[in-house]
N, C-alpha and C. Protein backbone atom coordinates (compact mmCIF):
# COMPACT_ATOMS: atom_id res chain seq x y z
N UNK A 1 0.88 -1.24 0.06
CA UNK A 1 -0.01 0.15 -0.03
C UNK A 1 0.71 1.20 0.17
N UNK A 2 1.90 1.11 0.66
CA UNK A 2 2.58 2.43 0.75
C UNK A 2 3.38 2.53 -0.54
N UNK A 3 3.86 1.48 -1.10
CA UNK A 3 4.44 1.67 -2.65
C UNK A 3 3.60 2.55 -3.45
N UNK A 4 2.21 1.76 -3.60
CA UNK A 4 1.24 2.53 -4.55
C UNK A 4 0.89 4.04 -4.15
N UNK A 5 0.59 4.35 -2.80
CA UNK A 5 0.66 5.75 -2.42
C UNK A 5 1.84 6.56 -2.94
N UNK A 6 3.02 5.82 -2.89
CA UNK A 6 4.04 6.65 -3.01
C UNK A 6 4.23 6.94 -4.95
N UNK A 7 3.80 5.88 -5.64
CA UNK A 7 3.82 6.05 -7.05
C UNK A 7 2.84 7.02 -7.45
N UNK A 8 1.41 6.82 -6.76
CA UNK A 8 0.29 8.00 -7.12
C UNK A 8 0.83 9.27 -6.81
N UNK A 9 1.63 9.42 -6.08
CA UNK A 9 2.05 10.90 -5.24
C UNK A 9 3.03 11.60 -6.68
N UNK A 10 3.93 10.34 -7.04
CA UNK A 10 4.93 10.97 -7.95
C UNK A 10 4.30 11.23 -9.34
N UNK A 11 3.21 10.43 -9.64
CA UNK A 11 2.59 10.67 -11.01
C UNK A 11 1.76 11.89 -10.88
N UNK A 12 1.29 12.36 -9.73
CA UNK A 12 0.66 13.37 -9.49
C UNK A 12 1.65 14.66 -9.76
N UNK A 13 2.76 14.64 -9.08
CA UNK A 13 3.81 15.80 -9.22
C UNK A 13 4.39 15.76 -10.80
N UNK A 14 4.33 14.96 -11.57
CA UNK A 14 4.99 14.89 -12.94
C UNK A 14 3.82 15.66 -13.76
N UNK A 15 2.31 15.67 -13.51
CA UNK A 15 1.43 16.13 -14.12
C UNK A 15 1.42 17.60 -13.86
N UNK A 16 1.50 17.81 -12.73
CA UNK A 16 1.47 19.26 -12.20
C UNK A 16 2.70 20.06 -13.20
N UNK A 17 3.93 19.51 -12.92
CA UNK A 17 4.87 19.95 -13.52
C UNK A 17 4.84 20.19 -15.06
N UNK A 18 4.51 19.29 -15.73
CA UNK A 18 4.23 19.33 -17.06
C UNK A 18 3.35 20.20 -17.56
N UNK A 19 2.30 20.70 -16.79
CA UNK A 19 1.06 21.28 -17.25
C UNK A 19 1.71 23.08 -16.84
N UNK A 20 2.51 23.15 -15.97
CA UNK A 20 3.51 24.59 -15.53
C UNK A 20 4.35 24.78 -16.47
N UNK A 21 4.96 23.71 -17.10
CA UNK A 21 5.92 23.79 -18.31
C UNK A 21 5.38 24.49 -19.71
N UNK A 22 4.01 24.00 -19.93
CA UNK A 22 3.25 24.39 -21.01
C UNK A 22 2.81 25.73 -21.05
N UNK A 23 2.50 26.17 -19.58
CA UNK A 23 1.80 27.26 -19.72
C UNK A 23 3.19 28.12 -19.69
N UNK A 24 4.27 27.98 -19.36
CA UNK A 24 5.47 29.15 -19.15
C UNK A 24 6.06 29.05 -20.55
N UNK A 25 6.19 28.08 -21.39
CA UNK A 25 6.96 28.21 -22.78
C UNK A 25 5.80 27.93 -23.81
N UNK A 26 4.46 28.76 -23.89
CA UNK A 26 3.77 28.44 -25.08
C UNK A 26 4.37 29.15 -26.07
N UNK A 27 4.33 28.03 -27.31
CA UNK A 27 4.76 28.53 -28.75
C UNK A 27 4.29 29.87 -29.20
N UNK A 28 4.99 30.48 -29.73
CA UNK A 28 4.33 31.71 -30.66
C UNK A 28 3.58 31.46 -31.76
N UNK A 29 2.06 31.94 -31.82
CA UNK A 29 1.23 31.96 -33.06
C UNK A 29 1.72 31.95 -34.41
N UNK A 30 1.64 31.21 -35.50
CA UNK A 30 1.72 31.34 -36.57
C UNK A 30 0.56 31.92 -37.43
N UNK A 31 0.94 32.55 -38.62
CA UNK A 31 -0.50 33.14 -39.21
C UNK A 31 -0.33 32.52 -40.62
N UNK A 32 0.51 31.99 -41.08
CA UNK A 32 0.43 31.21 -42.34
C UNK A 32 1.14 29.66 -42.22
N UNK A 33 1.14 28.95 -43.50
CA UNK A 33 1.83 27.88 -43.47
C UNK A 33 3.30 27.91 -44.15
N UNK A 34 4.31 27.63 -43.57
CA UNK A 34 5.45 27.75 -44.21
C UNK A 34 5.87 27.09 -45.34
N UNK A 35 6.59 27.62 -46.26
CA UNK A 35 6.79 26.95 -47.43
C UNK A 35 7.80 26.03 -47.33
N UNK A 36 7.58 24.82 -48.15
CA UNK A 36 8.05 23.62 -48.24
C UNK A 36 9.58 23.63 -48.56
N UNK A 37 10.57 23.17 -47.58
CA UNK A 37 11.91 23.23 -48.25
C UNK A 37 12.19 22.49 -49.38
N UNK A 38 13.09 23.35 -50.26
CA UNK A 38 13.57 22.75 -51.59
C UNK A 38 14.16 21.56 -51.38
N UNK A 39 13.92 20.38 -52.31
CA UNK A 39 14.88 19.39 -52.21
C UNK A 39 15.89 19.47 -53.52
N UNK A 40 15.86 20.30 -54.25
CA UNK A 40 16.69 20.08 -55.73
C UNK A 40 17.37 21.41 -55.76
N UNK A 41 18.55 20.97 -56.32
CA UNK A 41 19.69 22.27 -56.04
C UNK A 41 19.25 23.50 -57.26
N UNK A 42 19.67 24.89 -56.88
CA UNK A 42 19.25 25.87 -57.59
C UNK A 42 19.84 25.68 -59.20
N UNK A 43 18.87 25.78 -59.92
CA UNK A 43 18.82 26.02 -61.42
C UNK A 43 20.18 26.79 -61.78
N UNK A 44 20.87 26.29 -62.70
CA UNK A 44 22.05 27.28 -63.57
C UNK A 44 21.66 27.43 -64.75
N UNK A 45 21.81 28.65 -65.41
CA UNK A 45 21.50 28.74 -66.90
C UNK A 45 22.91 29.11 -67.41
N UNK A 46 23.17 28.40 -68.66
CA UNK A 46 24.38 29.22 -69.22
C UNK A 46 24.39 30.22 -69.84
N UNK A 47 25.19 31.08 -70.14
CA UNK A 47 24.97 32.42 -70.69
C UNK A 47 24.75 31.97 -71.93
N UNK A 48 23.85 32.97 -72.71
CA UNK A 48 23.24 32.75 -74.13
C UNK A 48 24.18 33.29 -74.92
N UNK A 49 24.54 32.79 -76.40
CA UNK A 49 25.24 33.41 -77.19
C UNK A 49 24.73 34.70 -77.66
N UNK A 50 25.22 35.68 -77.89
CA UNK A 50 24.61 36.90 -78.26
C UNK A 50 24.33 36.79 -79.91
N UNK A 51 24.88 35.94 -80.67
CA UNK A 51 24.53 35.80 -81.91
C UNK A 51 23.26 34.71 -81.96
N UNK A 52 23.09 34.48 -83.53
CA UNK A 52 22.11 33.48 -83.72
C UNK A 52 22.64 31.96 -83.04
N UNK A 53 21.63 30.79 -82.72
CA UNK A 53 22.30 29.60 -82.48
C UNK A 53 22.84 28.79 -83.49
N UNK A 54 23.10 27.50 -83.45
CA UNK A 54 23.92 26.57 -84.36
C UNK A 54 22.67 26.27 -85.27
N UNK A 55 23.01 26.22 -86.44
CA UNK A 55 22.25 25.53 -87.38
C UNK A 55 22.19 23.87 -87.43
N UNK A 56 21.12 23.31 -87.86
CA UNK A 56 20.93 21.98 -87.32
C UNK A 56 20.33 21.10 -88.55
N UNK A 57 20.66 20.06 -88.95
CA UNK A 57 19.83 19.46 -90.09
C UNK A 57 18.38 18.81 -89.52
N UNK A 58 18.08 18.41 -90.33
CA UNK A 58 16.28 17.65 -90.22
C UNK A 58 17.04 16.02 -90.19
N UNK A 59 16.84 15.11 -89.44
CA UNK A 59 17.11 13.91 -89.33
C UNK A 59 16.07 13.37 -90.23
N UNK A 60 15.17 13.60 -90.72
CA UNK A 60 13.98 12.96 -91.49
C UNK A 60 13.84 13.59 -92.84
N UNK A 61 14.68 14.74 -92.99
CA UNK A 61 14.70 15.33 -94.34
C UNK A 61 15.36 14.29 -95.54
N UNK A 62 15.08 14.48 -96.78
CA UNK A 62 15.84 13.70 -97.84
C UNK A 62 17.07 14.27 -98.09
N UNK A 63 18.16 13.39 -98.18
CA UNK A 63 19.46 13.49 -98.51
C UNK A 63 19.64 15.04 -99.62
N UNK A 64 20.66 15.69 -99.34
CA UNK A 64 20.89 16.91 -99.99
C UNK A 64 22.17 16.19 -101.14
N UNK A 65 22.21 16.70 -102.05
CA UNK A 65 23.34 16.57 -103.06
C UNK A 65 24.31 17.68 -103.37
N UNK A 66 25.34 17.71 -103.83
CA UNK A 66 26.24 18.94 -104.50
C UNK A 66 25.15 19.62 -105.14
N UNK A 67 25.73 21.02 -105.00
CA UNK A 67 24.88 22.10 -105.58
C UNK A 67 25.59 21.85 -107.06
N UNK A 68 24.98 21.62 -108.29
CA UNK A 68 25.66 21.60 -109.65
C UNK A 68 26.37 22.63 -109.92
N UNK A 69 27.28 22.23 -111.21
CA UNK A 69 28.09 23.55 -111.58
C UNK A 69 27.32 24.32 -112.12
N UNK A 70 26.34 23.98 -113.00
CA UNK A 70 25.54 24.84 -113.92
C UNK A 70 24.29 25.49 -113.03
N UNK A 71 24.35 25.41 -111.90
CA UNK A 71 23.15 26.34 -110.96
C UNK A 71 22.88 27.64 -111.17
N UNK A 72 21.77 27.99 -111.50
CA UNK A 72 21.51 29.21 -111.82
C UNK A 72 21.56 30.14 -110.46
N UNK A 73 21.98 31.31 -109.97
CA UNK A 73 21.71 32.08 -108.61
C UNK A 73 20.67 33.48 -109.10
N UNK A 74 20.14 33.67 -108.49
CA UNK A 74 19.20 34.85 -108.40
C UNK A 74 19.79 35.71 -107.48
N UNK A 75 19.48 36.94 -107.25
CA UNK A 75 19.85 38.07 -106.38
C UNK A 75 18.53 38.45 -105.42
N UNK A 76 18.60 38.21 -104.19
CA UNK A 76 18.01 38.42 -103.16
C UNK A 76 18.07 39.69 -102.55
N UNK A 77 17.05 40.87 -102.51
CA UNK A 77 17.30 42.07 -101.88
C UNK A 77 16.45 42.16 -100.79
N UNK A 78 17.15 42.24 -99.57
CA UNK A 78 16.44 42.44 -98.27
C UNK A 78 16.36 43.83 -98.11
N UNK A 79 15.41 44.50 -98.43
CA UNK A 79 15.49 46.06 -98.01
C UNK A 79 15.06 46.66 -96.93
N UNK A 80 14.48 45.75 -95.67
CA UNK A 80 14.19 45.60 -94.56
C UNK A 80 15.35 45.69 -93.60
N UNK A 81 16.35 44.82 -94.04
CA UNK A 81 17.60 44.31 -93.14
C UNK A 81 18.83 45.21 -93.98
N UNK A 82 18.52 45.56 -95.00
CA UNK A 82 19.45 46.33 -95.82
C UNK A 82 20.75 45.45 -96.46
N UNK A 83 20.39 44.52 -97.13
CA UNK A 83 21.64 43.74 -97.77
C UNK A 83 21.00 43.10 -99.00
N UNK A 84 21.97 42.51 -99.71
CA UNK A 84 21.68 41.65 -100.60
C UNK A 84 22.58 40.62 -101.00
N UNK A 85 22.07 39.40 -101.57
CA UNK A 85 22.91 38.13 -101.58
C UNK A 85 22.63 37.21 -102.64
N UNK A 86 23.12 36.48 -103.32
CA UNK A 86 22.72 35.80 -104.38
C UNK A 86 22.45 34.24 -103.61
N UNK A 87 21.52 33.33 -104.20
CA UNK A 87 20.96 32.37 -103.67
C UNK A 87 20.42 31.19 -104.94
N UNK A 88 20.48 29.98 -104.82
CA UNK A 88 20.54 29.31 -105.88
C UNK A 88 18.79 29.03 -106.06
N UNK A 89 18.71 29.49 -107.56
CA UNK A 89 17.07 29.15 -107.98
C UNK A 89 16.55 28.11 -107.44
N UNK A 90 15.47 28.18 -107.07
CA UNK A 90 14.85 26.61 -106.66
C UNK A 90 14.49 26.57 -105.23
N UNK A 91 15.71 27.36 -104.32
CA UNK A 91 15.60 26.88 -103.03
C UNK A 91 14.52 27.64 -102.22
N UNK A 92 13.85 26.96 -101.41
CA UNK A 92 12.92 27.64 -100.45
C UNK A 92 13.50 28.65 -99.66
N UNK A 93 12.45 29.85 -99.75
CA UNK A 93 12.94 31.03 -99.00
C UNK A 93 12.19 31.17 -97.92
N UNK A 94 12.64 31.35 -96.42
CA UNK A 94 11.58 31.38 -95.13
C UNK A 94 12.03 32.80 -94.59
N UNK A 95 10.94 33.54 -94.45
CA UNK A 95 11.56 35.19 -93.85
C UNK A 95 12.14 36.02 -94.88
N UNK A 96 12.15 37.24 -94.54
CA UNK A 96 12.49 38.42 -95.20
C UNK A 96 12.97 39.46 -94.31
N UNK A 97 13.01 39.59 -93.16
CA UNK A 97 13.50 40.56 -92.01
C UNK A 97 14.77 40.44 -91.60
N UNK A 98 15.00 40.58 -90.44
CA UNK A 98 16.30 40.54 -89.88
C UNK A 98 16.87 39.10 -90.08
N UNK A 99 16.07 38.12 -89.95
CA UNK A 99 16.45 36.58 -90.47
C UNK A 99 15.78 36.01 -91.36
N UNK A 100 16.57 35.75 -92.63
CA UNK A 100 16.09 34.92 -93.67
C UNK A 100 16.86 33.66 -93.93
N UNK A 101 16.16 32.48 -94.33
CA UNK A 101 16.99 31.33 -94.39
C UNK A 101 16.30 30.76 -96.11
N UNK A 102 17.52 30.35 -96.70
CA UNK A 102 17.37 29.59 -97.91
C UNK A 102 17.49 28.02 -97.61
N UNK A 103 16.99 27.47 -97.98
CA UNK A 103 17.30 25.86 -97.94
C UNK A 103 16.60 24.95 -99.17
N UNK A 104 17.47 24.02 -99.49
CA UNK A 104 17.04 22.57 -100.47
C UNK A 104 17.82 21.42 -99.75
N UNK A 105 16.84 20.96 -98.86
CA UNK A 105 16.66 19.66 -98.33
C UNK A 105 17.67 20.06 -96.89
N UNK A 106 18.78 19.28 -96.85
CA UNK A 106 19.81 19.89 -95.83
C UNK A 106 21.13 20.83 -96.12
N UNK A 107 20.83 21.44 -97.03
CA UNK A 107 21.54 22.53 -97.59
C UNK A 107 21.06 23.78 -97.22
N UNK A 108 21.67 24.34 -96.34
CA UNK A 108 20.95 25.37 -95.39
C UNK A 108 21.95 26.70 -95.64
N UNK A 109 21.22 27.98 -95.58
CA UNK A 109 21.87 29.24 -95.65
C UNK A 109 21.08 30.11 -95.03
N UNK A 110 21.40 30.21 -93.66
CA UNK A 110 20.80 31.80 -92.94
C UNK A 110 21.45 32.83 -92.85
N UNK A 111 20.74 33.91 -92.88
CA UNK A 111 21.46 35.66 -92.95
C UNK A 111 20.60 35.96 -91.55
N UNK A 112 21.24 36.43 -90.47
CA UNK A 112 20.83 37.15 -89.45
C UNK A 112 21.20 38.47 -89.12
N UNK A 113 20.61 39.47 -89.29
CA UNK A 113 21.14 40.82 -89.15
C UNK A 113 20.82 41.34 -87.69
N UNK A 114 21.77 42.13 -87.18
CA UNK A 114 21.35 42.75 -85.83
C UNK A 114 22.04 44.37 -85.70
N UNK A 115 21.45 45.07 -84.88
CA UNK A 115 22.10 46.48 -84.78
C UNK A 115 23.05 46.23 -83.39
N UNK A 116 24.21 46.99 -83.55
CA UNK A 116 25.02 46.65 -82.09
C UNK A 116 26.48 47.18 -82.50
N UNK A 117 27.16 46.69 -81.60
CA UNK A 117 28.75 47.05 -81.60
C UNK A 117 29.36 45.79 -82.71
N UNK A 118 30.32 46.58 -83.13
CA UNK A 118 30.92 45.40 -84.15
C UNK A 118 31.85 44.36 -83.48
N UNK A 119 31.61 42.99 -84.39
CA UNK A 119 32.08 42.04 -83.13
C UNK A 119 33.41 41.67 -83.52
N UNK A 120 34.21 41.54 -82.57
CA UNK A 120 35.60 41.51 -82.27
C UNK A 120 35.93 39.84 -82.46
N UNK A 121 37.15 39.51 -82.43
CA UNK A 121 37.69 38.05 -82.25
C UNK A 121 36.87 37.63 -80.94
N UNK A 122 37.52 38.17 -79.88
CA UNK A 122 36.96 37.97 -78.72
C UNK A 122 35.37 37.87 -78.19
N UNK A 123 34.66 38.45 -78.97
CA UNK A 123 33.15 38.36 -78.66
C UNK A 123 33.07 37.22 -79.53
N UNK A 124 33.36 36.88 -80.55
CA UNK A 124 33.00 35.72 -81.68
C UNK A 124 33.21 34.49 -81.05
N UNK A 125 34.66 34.39 -80.56
CA UNK A 125 35.02 33.23 -79.77
C UNK A 125 34.13 32.84 -78.82
N UNK A 126 33.48 33.90 -77.77
CA UNK A 126 32.36 33.74 -76.68
C UNK A 126 31.24 33.07 -77.49
N UNK A 127 30.64 33.78 -78.32
CA UNK A 127 29.54 33.22 -79.18
C UNK A 127 29.69 31.60 -79.44
N UNK A 128 30.76 31.56 -80.19
CA UNK A 128 30.99 30.01 -80.66
C UNK A 128 30.99 29.23 -79.59
N UNK A 129 31.44 29.47 -78.22
CA UNK A 129 31.65 28.51 -77.11
C UNK A 129 30.16 28.40 -76.63
N UNK A 130 29.43 29.34 -76.83
CA UNK A 130 28.15 29.22 -75.93
C UNK A 130 26.94 28.58 -77.03
N UNK A 131 27.46 28.20 -78.29
CA UNK A 131 26.46 27.54 -79.31
C UNK A 131 26.05 26.07 -78.77
N UNK A 132 25.12 25.92 -78.48
CA UNK A 132 24.37 24.58 -77.92
C UNK A 132 24.59 23.74 -79.05
N UNK A 133 24.95 22.56 -78.78
CA UNK A 133 25.48 21.43 -79.52
C UNK A 133 26.27 21.58 -80.70
N UNK A 134 27.11 22.68 -80.64
CA UNK A 134 28.11 22.76 -81.64
C UNK A 134 29.46 22.22 -81.32
N UNK A 135 30.19 21.72 -82.32
CA UNK A 135 31.44 21.36 -82.23
C UNK A 135 32.67 22.35 -83.16
N UNK A 136 33.28 23.18 -82.41
CA UNK A 136 34.39 23.90 -83.12
C UNK A 136 35.27 23.42 -84.12
N UNK A 137 35.04 23.34 -85.41
CA UNK A 137 36.14 22.86 -86.31
C UNK A 137 37.01 23.60 -86.51
N UNK A 138 36.86 25.07 -86.84
CA UNK A 138 37.93 26.19 -87.13
C UNK A 138 37.65 27.10 -86.19
N UNK A 139 38.62 27.70 -85.49
CA UNK A 139 38.50 28.75 -84.56
C UNK A 139 38.20 30.05 -85.25
N UNK A 140 37.77 31.10 -84.70
CA UNK A 140 37.41 32.34 -85.58
C UNK A 140 38.65 32.94 -86.02
N UNK A 141 38.96 33.39 -87.14
CA UNK A 141 39.85 33.74 -87.98
C UNK A 141 39.50 34.88 -88.72
N UNK A 142 40.22 35.96 -88.58
CA UNK A 142 40.02 37.20 -89.51
C UNK A 142 40.35 37.00 -91.01
N UNK A 143 39.44 37.43 -91.94
CA UNK A 143 39.64 37.18 -93.27
C UNK A 143 39.29 38.33 -93.86
N UNK A 144 39.52 38.68 -95.36
CA UNK A 144 38.88 39.89 -95.93
C UNK A 144 38.09 39.04 -97.02
N UNK A 145 36.87 40.00 -96.84
CA UNK A 145 35.58 39.00 -97.98
C UNK A 145 35.07 40.40 -98.89
N UNK A 146 35.55 40.19 -100.23
CA UNK A 146 35.30 41.25 -100.96
C UNK A 146 36.04 42.73 -100.63
N UNK A 147 37.06 42.60 -100.09
CA UNK A 147 37.79 43.77 -99.97
C UNK A 147 37.48 44.36 -98.40
N UNK A 148 36.33 43.65 -97.82
CA UNK A 148 36.11 44.02 -96.32
C UNK A 148 36.41 43.16 -95.25
N UNK A 149 36.82 43.83 -94.15
CA UNK A 149 37.60 42.85 -92.96
C UNK A 149 36.17 42.12 -92.55
N UNK A 150 36.52 40.83 -92.15
CA UNK A 150 35.02 39.61 -91.95
C UNK A 150 35.95 38.79 -90.81
N UNK A 151 35.23 38.06 -90.35
CA UNK A 151 35.54 36.84 -89.53
C UNK A 151 34.89 35.36 -89.94
N UNK A 152 35.51 34.37 -89.90
CA UNK A 152 35.02 32.84 -90.50
C UNK A 152 35.37 32.18 -89.14
N UNK A 153 34.50 31.20 -88.85
CA UNK A 153 34.27 30.03 -87.90
C UNK A 153 33.64 28.80 -88.70
N UNK A 154 34.33 27.80 -88.18
CA UNK A 154 33.61 26.49 -88.77
C UNK A 154 33.18 25.64 -87.66
N UNK A 155 32.04 25.28 -87.57
CA UNK A 155 31.48 24.38 -86.70
C UNK A 155 30.67 23.21 -87.29
N UNK A 156 30.54 22.28 -86.50
CA UNK A 156 29.51 20.98 -87.00
C UNK A 156 28.49 20.71 -85.97
N UNK A 157 27.22 20.18 -86.16
CA UNK A 157 26.35 19.98 -85.49
C UNK A 157 25.61 18.31 -85.86
N UNK A 158 25.06 17.79 -84.88
CA UNK A 158 24.62 16.49 -85.42
C UNK A 158 23.20 16.59 -85.15
N UNK A 159 22.25 15.98 -86.07
CA UNK A 159 20.74 16.07 -85.97
C UNK A 159 20.30 15.02 -84.81
N UNK A 160 18.86 15.20 -84.67
CA UNK A 160 18.50 13.95 -83.91
C UNK A 160 18.50 12.62 -84.80
N UNK A 161 18.32 11.75 -83.84
CA UNK A 161 18.32 10.59 -84.45
C UNK A 161 17.19 10.25 -85.69
N UNK A 162 17.21 9.73 -86.73
CA UNK A 162 16.13 9.46 -87.63
C UNK A 162 15.46 8.39 -87.00
N UNK A 163 13.98 8.49 -87.33
CA UNK A 163 12.93 8.01 -86.63
C UNK A 163 12.94 6.23 -87.05
N UNK A 164 13.47 6.13 -88.33
CA UNK A 164 13.29 4.81 -88.83
C UNK A 164 14.57 4.25 -88.88
N UNK A 165 15.73 5.04 -89.36
CA UNK A 165 17.01 4.13 -89.23
C UNK A 165 17.90 4.38 -88.00
N UNK A 166 17.75 5.34 -87.28
CA UNK A 166 18.18 5.93 -86.15
C UNK A 166 19.53 6.62 -86.28
N UNK A 167 19.79 6.88 -87.58
CA UNK A 167 21.09 7.81 -87.92
C UNK A 167 20.96 9.06 -87.75
N UNK A 168 22.21 9.67 -87.35
CA UNK A 168 22.14 11.08 -87.16
C UNK A 168 23.09 11.77 -88.31
N UNK A 169 22.75 12.88 -88.60
CA UNK A 169 23.12 13.77 -90.09
C UNK A 169 24.34 14.63 -89.24
N UNK A 170 25.32 14.71 -89.83
CA UNK A 170 26.12 15.76 -89.45
C UNK A 170 26.38 17.04 -90.07
N UNK A 171 26.22 18.03 -89.83
CA UNK A 171 26.15 19.31 -90.56
C UNK A 171 27.36 20.12 -90.42
N UNK A 172 28.15 20.34 -91.51
CA UNK A 172 29.21 21.21 -91.35
C UNK A 172 28.69 22.64 -91.80
N UNK A 173 29.52 23.70 -90.96
CA UNK A 173 28.64 24.98 -91.06
C UNK A 173 30.05 26.00 -90.98
N UNK A 174 30.09 26.86 -92.38
CA UNK A 174 30.93 27.96 -92.58
C UNK A 174 30.09 29.13 -91.66
N UNK A 175 30.43 29.76 -91.00
CA UNK A 175 30.20 30.78 -90.37
C UNK A 175 30.71 31.97 -90.69
N UNK A 176 30.19 33.28 -90.94
CA UNK A 176 30.71 34.51 -91.21
C UNK A 176 30.46 35.50 -90.53
N UNK A 177 31.12 36.19 -90.04
CA UNK A 177 30.48 37.68 -89.39
C UNK A 177 31.14 38.77 -89.93
N UNK A 178 29.97 39.53 -90.61
CA UNK A 178 30.08 40.91 -91.41
C UNK A 178 29.53 42.02 -90.51
N UNK A 179 30.05 43.03 -90.85
CA UNK A 179 29.65 44.49 -90.20
C UNK A 179 29.72 45.56 -90.85
N UNK A 180 28.97 46.63 -90.76
CA UNK A 180 28.85 47.74 -91.59
C UNK A 180 28.20 48.76 -90.71
N UNK A 181 29.20 49.82 -90.11
CA UNK A 181 28.66 50.49 -89.04
C UNK A 181 28.34 50.04 -87.98
N UNK A 182 26.84 50.23 -87.59
CA UNK A 182 26.17 49.81 -86.33
C UNK A 182 25.64 48.42 -86.59
N UNK A 183 25.77 47.96 -87.94
CA UNK A 183 24.90 46.96 -88.12
C UNK A 183 25.84 45.77 -88.51
N UNK A 184 25.42 44.40 -88.21
CA UNK A 184 26.12 43.23 -88.08
C UNK A 184 25.19 42.02 -88.48
N UNK A 185 26.02 41.31 -89.49
CA UNK A 185 25.33 39.98 -90.05
C UNK A 185 26.12 38.96 -89.94
N UNK A 186 25.34 37.91 -89.52
CA UNK A 186 25.93 36.54 -89.23
C UNK A 186 25.39 35.58 -90.41
N UNK A 187 26.39 35.11 -91.41
CA UNK A 187 25.65 34.18 -92.28
C UNK A 187 26.08 32.79 -92.20
N UNK A 188 25.49 32.05 -91.91
CA UNK A 188 25.55 30.39 -91.63
C UNK A 188 25.36 29.95 -93.02
N UNK A 189 26.32 29.00 -93.62
CA UNK A 189 25.92 27.99 -94.90
C UNK A 189 26.48 26.65 -94.52
N UNK A 190 25.19 25.79 -94.34
CA UNK A 190 25.34 24.51 -93.75
C UNK A 190 25.47 23.70 -94.80
N UNK A 191 26.15 22.62 -94.76
CA UNK A 191 26.33 21.22 -95.75
C UNK A 191 26.51 20.33 -95.15
N UNK A 192 25.68 19.12 -95.65
CA UNK A 192 25.62 17.80 -94.82
C UNK A 192 26.95 17.46 -95.01
N UNK A 193 27.76 16.47 -94.12
CA UNK A 193 29.18 16.10 -94.28
C UNK A 193 29.15 15.22 -95.30
N UNK A 194 30.14 15.19 -96.22
CA UNK A 194 30.34 14.50 -97.46
C UNK A 194 29.70 15.14 -98.87
N UNK A 195 29.19 16.21 -98.77
CA UNK A 195 28.64 17.06 -99.83
C UNK A 195 29.60 18.29 -100.11
N UNK A 196 29.70 18.42 -101.35
CA UNK A 196 30.81 19.45 -101.53
C UNK A 196 30.05 20.80 -102.19
N UNK A 197 29.95 21.86 -101.19
CA UNK A 197 29.33 22.94 -101.69
C UNK A 197 30.25 24.25 -101.89
N UNK A 198 31.41 23.83 -101.81
CA UNK A 198 32.42 24.81 -101.37
C UNK A 198 32.54 26.17 -102.74
N UNK A 199 32.37 25.60 -103.81
CA UNK A 199 32.25 26.88 -104.97
C UNK A 199 31.02 27.72 -104.81
N UNK A 200 29.71 26.77 -104.83
CA UNK A 200 28.51 27.48 -104.69
C UNK A 200 28.49 28.59 -103.41
N UNK A 201 29.09 28.04 -102.15
CA UNK A 201 29.10 28.72 -101.18
C UNK A 201 30.01 29.92 -101.26
N UNK A 202 30.96 29.77 -101.76
CA UNK A 202 32.02 30.93 -101.91
C UNK A 202 31.19 31.85 -102.90
N UNK A 203 30.55 31.69 -103.95
CA UNK A 203 29.96 32.58 -104.55
C UNK A 203 28.92 33.61 -103.94
N UNK A 204 28.52 32.86 -102.90
CA UNK A 204 26.98 33.25 -102.20
C UNK A 204 27.54 34.25 -101.13
N UNK A 205 28.56 33.94 -100.71
CA UNK A 205 29.25 34.84 -99.44
C UNK A 205 30.06 36.16 -100.21
N UNK A 206 30.57 36.08 -101.21
CA UNK A 206 31.27 36.93 -101.84
C UNK A 206 30.29 37.89 -102.59
N UNK A 207 29.06 37.53 -102.67
CA UNK A 207 28.05 38.12 -103.14
C UNK A 207 27.44 39.22 -102.42
N UNK A 208 27.26 39.10 -100.99
CA UNK A 208 26.97 39.77 -100.23
C UNK A 208 27.26 41.19 -100.04
N UNK A 209 26.47 41.86 -100.27
CA UNK A 209 26.50 43.48 -100.10
C UNK A 209 25.48 44.22 -99.30
N UNK A 210 26.16 45.37 -98.19
CA UNK A 210 25.25 46.10 -97.56
C UNK A 210 24.45 47.16 -98.70
N UNK A 211 23.13 47.37 -98.35
CA UNK A 211 22.76 48.40 -98.84
C UNK A 211 22.31 49.77 -98.21
């Protein structure tokens, strides 16, 4: 009996002490639900290139052949962007403002004009490093094009896998940086690997004129 009485007394004292503790240390009230803690690392974004992105071939497009030696070229005048350039007759044209693309299957020519400071070897190298999915074949080099200074870079890209064959097509691109006052143009001339468009593309880039 003495043990039972002693146990009851200890239990009563514990309950009283716990009650006093709750009243003395009552937690502060909250007015909202706290945001859940993030379980993923903060996102990082690569610095974008200041020039246009890399050209890519279409995996499911028909194969493109060499531009024939007897190919007829037409003169394209882009009055909005202020330039002219020759292009192969029969090629599809898309756009007519600051960005224009000429295409025959996976033979692709793109001209992008922008306003801003004159590109330098350093800024061009930074642009090329930021091109997503591109492999630099030839680093930026200063050249003379139709009597005017310019820069040339060569890079390659691989297409997505063909839905039927699973094969990927490699596109080799000659990229030219041209400038005139506060205007700059980036001209990409893309050729599927194994196709010879050297002479035709030389004719095209040498025909470029600011207006």
